[in-house]
Each structure stands twice: as structure tokens, then as C-alpha cells.
Amino acid sequence: MEEKFICNSIKYTFKKRTISLPVAIQGLPERLDIEGYTLSKRSSFHVSLVAIGNIIEKYNIQVPNFEDSVIDDFCKFVSQNEVSFVRYRGEFRFVVQNERRSVVAMCEVTNLEKFFDLLNEKYNLQLEIPPTHVMLYTLQQNAGIFLTNSDDIQELTKVVPKPEKIAL
């Protein structure tokens, strides 16, 4: 599936049923040795904001055209409330799911809580705000792991020391 820009801007993207915010990162080493694995730097970086496909599956959403509706809701929302990258929190996590491995840097994003409040109210849901992060390295080339709530953080990740040579 090809990534496309949404909301009549070059700020937000949609790919693999997920609304994302691309971020630029310079100067990362090509490889990272951690927990006995050699991971490779991702070819591009983003913060996953709304994993619509994951929400549909996890909550068994039966709303017709839910994916398109959420994209429309998001675009209307960001026209009045910018959703932007703020900063890295200095917290790095090693993520394990089945055979996949990755390293993420936790971060902060503006107004995402307000958008999830809107979704919860409009669709009568109880969605948790996703733990915002940028996936930096993966074992399988660019093969990510969704971290969509606090359970995922608890069950799939562990805090690791800041990798050397990473200046985030």
C-alpha cells in the first residue's frame, strides 16, 4: 500500500490504514546492536497517530465507512487544532512481537488527546490515546510493530538505555 498525503497538506500521511505524522531524523547510525540483535535503521520515520485498521479490528467496529469517516474527522480537526511533533522524551524501548524486533523513541505530540476525545464521543468508544513514538530500527527491514495502547507498551516493550551515537 502506497503512502499518500491527506488533509490537503504535506504534513499528514495515510498508509496501512494508519494516519501518521512524518518526522525527519538525521545522523542515526545505519545499524544498532541491542539485546543480541543487529537492527537496521528505518528508511523513513513517522509518528503513528491513529491506527484506524487496528481500532476496527480490536473494537469490532461495524460503522459503515469508518476508515473514511475517521480520516475526514481528522482533517476537520487539524484545520482548527494542529497536531504536531513536540519533542522526544529521552525514553527508548526495545519492542518484541513474535519474530519482529525494533527500537522506538517515545515522543510527545500536541492535541492528539483532544482528537481521541472527539472519536470517543462521536463513535461511543473508549479508545486510549496511543503511546506516541518513532520507530528507529527494525530487525526485518522496515517491518514495524503497532504500539496502540498502554497494554502494548507493558506487554511488548521494555525500557533500554539510550543507544550510543543517537542524539535525540
C-alpha atoms as a PDB file:
ATOM      1  CA  MET A   1       0.000   0.000   0.000  1.00  0.00           C
ATOM      2  CA  GLU A   2       1.371   3.359  -1.003  1.00  0.00           C
ATOM      3  CA  GLU A   3       1.666   6.252   1.417  1.00  0.00           C
ATOM      4  CA  LYS A   4      -0.432   9.273   0.500  1.00  0.00           C
ATOM      5  CA  PHE A   5      -0.747  12.753   1.931  1.00  0.00           C
ATOM      6  CA  ILE A   6      -4.106  13.658   3.464  1.00  0.00           C
ATOM      7  CA  CYS A   7      -5.921  16.778   4.661  1.00  0.00           C
ATOM      8  CA  ASN A   8      -4.792  18.793   1.630  1.00  0.00           C
ATOM      9  CA  SER A   9      -1.332  19.132   3.148  1.00  0.00           C
ATOM     10  CA  ILE A  10       2.099  17.578   3.093  1.00  0.00           C
ATOM     11  CA  LYS A  11       2.078  17.227   6.869  1.00  0.00           C
ATOM     12  CA  TYR A  12      -0.070  14.131   7.474  1.00  0.00           C
ATOM     13  CA  THR A  13       0.064  10.790   5.693  1.00  0.00           C
ATOM     14  CA  PHE A  14      -2.088   7.690   5.416  1.00  0.00           C
ATOM     15  CA  LYS A  15      -0.606   4.238   4.849  1.00  0.00           C
ATOM     16  CA  LYS A  16      -1.513   0.737   6.033  1.00  0.00           C
ATOM     17  CA  ARG A  17      -4.792   2.068   7.452  1.00  0.00           C
ATOM     18  CA  THR A  18      -2.907   4.486   9.755  1.00  0.00           C
ATOM     19  CA  ILE A  19      -2.779   8.275   9.950  1.00  0.00           C
ATOM     20  CA  SER A  20       0.804   9.358  10.588  1.00  0.00           C
ATOM     21  CA  LEU A  21       2.973  12.406  11.061  1.00  0.00           C
ATOM     22  CA  PRO A  22       6.309  12.129   9.201  1.00  0.00           C
ATOM     23  CA  VAL A  23       9.380  13.319  11.116  1.00  0.00           C
ATOM     24  CA  ALA A  24      12.920  13.953   9.926  1.00  0.00           C
ATOM     25  CA  ILE A  25      15.848  12.438  11.796  1.00  0.00           C
ATOM     26  CA  GLN A  26      19.442  12.972  10.764  1.00  0.00           C
ATOM     27  CA  GLY A  27      22.674  11.301  11.778  1.00  0.00           C
ATOM     28  CA  LEU A  28      21.482   7.918  13.019  1.00  0.00           C
ATOM     29  CA  PRO A  29      23.923   5.031  12.595  1.00  0.00           C
ATOM     30  CA  GLU A  30      22.857   2.530   9.919  1.00  0.00           C
ATOM     31  CA  ARG A  31      22.878  -0.357  12.394  1.00  0.00           C
ATOM     32  CA  LEU A  32      22.222  -0.821  16.088  1.00  0.00           C
ATOM     33  CA  ASP A  33      23.289  -3.798  18.200  1.00  0.00           C
ATOM     34  CA  ILE A  34      20.882  -4.362  21.069  1.00  0.00           C
ATOM     35  CA  GLU A  35      19.678  -7.321  23.133  1.00  0.00           C
ATOM     36  CA  GLY A  36      21.761  -9.697  20.992  1.00  0.00           C
ATOM     37  CA  TYR A  37      20.266  -8.484  17.693  1.00  0.00           C
ATOM     38  CA  THR A  38      21.599  -6.244  14.935  1.00  0.00           C
ATOM     39  CA  LEU A  39      18.795  -3.928  13.833  1.00  0.00           C
ATOM     40  CA  SER A  40      18.762  -1.697  10.738  1.00  0.00           C
ATOM     41  CA  LYS A  41      17.779   1.950  10.554  1.00  0.00           C
ATOM     42  CA  ARG A  42      14.366   2.525   9.019  1.00  0.00           C
ATOM     43  CA  SER A  43      14.258   4.178   5.618  1.00  0.00           C
ATOM     44  CA  SER A  44      11.802   6.844   6.861  1.00  0.00           C
ATOM     45  CA  PHE A  45      10.357   7.946  10.168  1.00  0.00           C
ATOM     46  CA  HIS A  46       6.899   8.882  11.432  1.00  0.00           C
ATOM     47  CA  VAL A  47       4.677   9.035  14.483  1.00  0.00           C
ATOM     48  CA  SER A  48       1.609   6.829  14.083  1.00  0.00           C
ATOM     49  CA  LEU A  49      -1.301   8.973  15.236  1.00  0.00           C
ATOM     50  CA  VAL A  50      -4.434   6.919  14.542  1.00  0.00           C
ATOM     51  CA  ALA A  51      -4.163   3.209  13.676  1.00  0.00           C
ATOM     52  CA  ILE A  52      -7.636   3.015  12.169  1.00  0.00           C
ATOM     53  CA  GLY A  53      -7.311  -0.567  10.959  1.00  0.00           C
ATOM     54  CA  ASN A  54      -6.185  -1.673  14.407  1.00  0.00           C
ATOM     55  CA  ILE A  55      -9.121   0.165  16.024  1.00  0.00           C
ATOM     56  CA  ILE A  56     -11.598  -1.511  13.640  1.00  0.00           C
ATOM     57  CA  GLU A  57     -10.223  -4.962  14.416  1.00  0.00           C
ATOM     58  CA  LYS A  58      -9.700  -4.508  18.151  1.00  0.00           C
ATOM     59  CA  TYR A  59     -13.102  -2.968  18.842  1.00  0.00           C
ATOM     60  CA  ASN A  60     -15.041  -4.833  16.129  1.00  0.00           C
ATOM     61  CA  ILE A  61     -16.223  -1.539  14.635  1.00  0.00           C
ATOM     62  CA  GLN A  62     -19.286  -2.007  12.433  1.00  0.00           C
ATOM     63  CA  VAL A  63     -19.763   1.654  11.434  1.00  0.00           C
ATOM     64  CA  PRO A  64     -20.069   1.841   7.621  1.00  0.00           C
ATOM     65  CA  ASN A  65     -17.102   3.653   6.027  1.00  0.00           C
ATOM     66  CA  PHE A  66     -15.483   4.097   9.465  1.00  0.00           C
ATOM     67  CA  GLU A  67     -11.994   4.475   7.992  1.00  0.00           C
ATOM     68  CA  ASP A  68     -13.025   7.270   5.606  1.00  0.00           C
ATOM     69  CA  SER A  69     -15.082   8.940   8.349  1.00  0.00           C
ATOM     70  CA  VAL A  70     -12.133   8.997  10.758  1.00  0.00           C
ATOM     71  CA  ILE A  71      -9.870  10.471   8.084  1.00  0.00           C
ATOM     72  CA  ASP A  72     -12.487  13.173   7.436  1.00  0.00           C
ATOM     73  CA  ASP A  73     -12.833  13.777  11.182  1.00  0.00           C
ATOM     74  CA  PHE A  74      -9.063  14.080  11.498  1.00  0.00           C
ATOM     75  CA  CYS A  75      -8.773  16.535   8.606  1.00  0.00           C
ATOM     76  CA  LYS A  76     -11.557  18.712  10.017  1.00  0.00           C
ATOM     77  CA  PHE A  77      -9.943  18.552  13.457  1.00  0.00           C
ATOM     78  CA  VAL A  78      -6.461  19.566  12.283  1.00  0.00           C
ATOM     79  CA  SER A  79      -7.868  22.506  10.356  1.00  0.00           C
ATOM     80  CA  GLN A  80      -8.612  24.039  13.785  1.00  0.00           C
ATOM     81  CA  ASN A  81      -6.204  22.122  16.088  1.00  0.00           C
ATOM     82  CA  GLU A  82      -2.749  21.432  14.762  1.00  0.00           C
ATOM     83  CA  VAL A  83      -1.363  18.002  15.625  1.00  0.00           C
ATOM     84  CA  SER A  84       2.416  18.404  15.734  1.00  0.00           C
ATOM     85  CA  PHE A  85       5.553  16.722  16.985  1.00  0.00           C
ATOM     86  CA  VAL A  86       6.779  18.419  20.188  1.00  0.00           C
ATOM     87  CA  ARG A  87       9.862  16.557  21.400  1.00  0.00           C
ATOM     88  CA  TYR A  88      11.490  13.250  22.193  1.00  0.00           C
ATOM     89  CA  ARG A  89      11.099  12.223  25.832  1.00  0.00           C
ATOM     90  CA  GLY A  90      14.540  10.616  26.162  1.00  0.00           C
ATOM     91  CA  GLU A  91      12.912   7.197  26.626  1.00  0.00           C
ATOM     92  CA  PHE A  92      13.916   4.322  24.364  1.00  0.00           C
ATOM     93  CA  ARG A  93      12.178   0.949  24.236  1.00  0.00           C
ATOM     94  CA  PHE A  94      13.063  -2.420  22.762  1.00  0.00           C
ATOM     95  CA  VAL A  95       9.953  -3.950  21.196  1.00  0.00           C
ATOM     96  CA  VAL A  96       9.357  -7.682  20.649  1.00  0.00           C
ATOM     97  CA  GLN A  97       6.385  -9.219  18.860  1.00  0.00           C
ATOM     98  CA  ASN A  98       6.705 -12.790  17.586  1.00  0.00           C
ATOM     99  CA  GLU A  99       9.805 -12.757  15.361  1.00  0.00           C
ATOM    100  CA  ARG A 100       9.861  -8.970  14.986  1.00  0.00           C
ATOM    101  CA  ARG A 101      12.213  -6.688  16.933  1.00  0.00           C
ATOM    102  CA  SER A 102      12.516  -2.909  16.940  1.00  0.00           C
ATOM    103  CA  VAL A 103      13.720   0.092  18.915  1.00  0.00           C
ATOM    104  CA  VAL A 104      11.468   3.099  19.395  1.00  0.00           C
ATOM    105  CA  ALA A 105      11.967   6.573  20.828  1.00  0.00           C
ATOM    106  CA  MET A 106       8.987   7.799  22.833  1.00  0.00           C
ATOM    107  CA  CYS A 107       7.814  11.313  21.977  1.00  0.00           C
ATOM    108  CA  GLU A 108       5.148  13.947  22.592  1.00  0.00           C
ATOM    109  CA  VAL A 109       2.583  15.222  20.104  1.00  0.00           C
ATOM    110  CA  THR A 110       0.157  18.135  20.512  1.00  0.00           C
ATOM    111  CA  ASN A 111      -3.641  17.820  20.527  1.00  0.00           C
ATOM    112  CA  LEU A 112      -3.842  14.057  19.998  1.00  0.00           C
ATOM    113  CA  GLU A 113      -5.742  13.638  23.263  1.00  0.00           C
ATOM    114  CA  LYS A 114      -8.367  16.118  22.054  1.00  0.00           C
ATOM    115  CA  PHE A 115      -8.783  14.195  18.817  1.00  0.00           C
ATOM    116  CA  PHE A 116      -9.271  10.890  20.633  1.00  0.00           C
ATOM    117  CA  ASP A 117     -11.821  12.586  22.897  1.00  0.00           C
ATOM    118  CA  LEU A 118     -13.688  13.569  19.724  1.00  0.00           C
ATOM    119  CA  LEU A 119     -13.551   9.990  18.364  1.00  0.00           C
ATOM    120  CA  ASN A 120     -14.706   8.521  21.666  1.00  0.00           C
ATOM    121  CA  GLU A 121     -17.640  10.900  21.879  1.00  0.00           C
ATOM    122  CA  LYS A 122     -18.697  10.708  18.222  1.00  0.00           C
ATOM    123  CA  TYR A 123     -18.492   6.905  17.904  1.00  0.00           C
ATOM    124  CA  ASN A 124     -19.294   5.999  21.515  1.00  0.00           C
ATOM    125  CA  LEU A 125     -15.906   4.344  22.024  1.00  0.00           C
ATOM    126  CA  GLN A 126     -13.402   4.172  24.846  1.00  0.00           C
ATOM    127  CA  LEU A 127     -10.185   4.449  22.879  1.00  0.00           C
ATOM    128  CA  GLU A 128      -6.967   5.075  24.728  1.00  0.00           C
ATOM    129  CA  ILE A 129      -4.595   7.707  23.381  1.00  0.00           C
ATOM    130  CA  PRO A 130      -1.784   5.800  21.684  1.00  0.00           C
ATOM    131  CA  PRO A 131       1.703   5.909  23.205  1.00  0.00           C
ATOM    132  CA  THR A 132       3.388   8.241  20.726  1.00  0.00           C
ATOM    133  CA  HIS A 133       6.728   7.049  19.465  1.00  0.00           C
ATOM    134  CA  VAL A 134       9.032   6.950  16.453  1.00  0.00           C
ATOM    135  CA  MET A 135      10.312   3.561  15.341  1.00  0.00           C
ATOM    136  CA  LEU A 136      14.023   3.972  14.656  1.00  0.00           C
ATOM    137  CA  TYR A 137      15.349   0.472  13.990  1.00  0.00           C
ATOM    138  CA  THR A 138      13.897  -2.898  12.982  1.00  0.00           C
ATOM    139  CA  LEU A 139      15.232  -6.432  12.664  1.00  0.00           C
ATOM    140  CA  GLN A 140      13.266  -7.124   9.481  1.00  0.00           C
ATOM    141  CA  GLN A 141      13.691  -4.237   7.052  1.00  0.00           C
ATOM    142  CA  ASN A 142      11.098  -1.558   7.861  1.00  0.00           C
ATOM    143  CA  ALA A 143       8.791  -4.151   9.498  1.00  0.00           C
ATOM    144  CA  GLY A 144       7.076  -2.201  12.251  1.00  0.00           C
ATOM    145  CA  ILE A 145       5.152  -3.251  15.324  1.00  0.00           C
ATOM    146  CA  PHE A 146       1.986  -1.385  16.292  1.00  0.00           C
ATOM    147  CA  LEU A 147       2.003   0.069  19.803  1.00  0.00           C
ATOM    148  CA  THR A 148      -1.522   1.398  20.171  1.00  0.00           C
ATOM    149  CA  ASN A 149      -2.177   1.444  23.925  1.00  0.00           C
ATOM    150  CA  SER A 150      -0.645   1.009  27.374  1.00  0.00           C
ATOM    151  CA  ASP A 151      -1.164  -2.777  27.232  1.00  0.00           C
ATOM    152  CA  ASP A 152       1.080  -2.932  24.152  1.00  0.00           C
ATOM    153  CA  ILE A 153       3.737  -0.905  25.977  1.00  0.00           C
ATOM    154  CA  GLN A 154       3.580  -3.222  29.006  1.00  0.00           C
ATOM    155  CA  GLU A 155       3.410  -6.491  27.094  1.00  0.00           C
ATOM    156  CA  LEU A 156       5.647  -5.858  24.077  1.00  0.00           C
ATOM    157  CA  THR A 157       8.330  -3.417  25.248  1.00  0.00           C
ATOM    158  CA  LYS A 158      10.990  -2.795  27.816  1.00  0.00           C
ATOM    159  CA  VAL A 159      12.919   0.375  28.551  1.00  0.00           C
ATOM    160  CA  VAL A 160      16.512   0.270  27.354  1.00  0.00           C
ATOM    161  CA  PRO A 161      19.352   2.728  27.906  1.00  0.00           C
ATOM    162  CA  LYS A 162      19.746   5.410  25.267  1.00  0.00           C
ATOM    163  CA  PRO A 163      21.765   3.811  22.477  1.00  0.00           C
ATOM    164  CA  GLU A 164      25.205   5.331  21.982  1.00  0.00           C
ATOM    165  CA  LYS A 165      25.613   7.641  18.979  1.00  0.00           C
ATOM    166  CA  ILE A 166      21.939   8.590  18.969  1.00  0.00           C
ATOM    167  CA  ALA A 167      21.395  12.288  19.609  1.00  0.00           C
ATOM    168  CA  LEU A 168      17.631  12.613  20.076  1.00  0.00           C
END
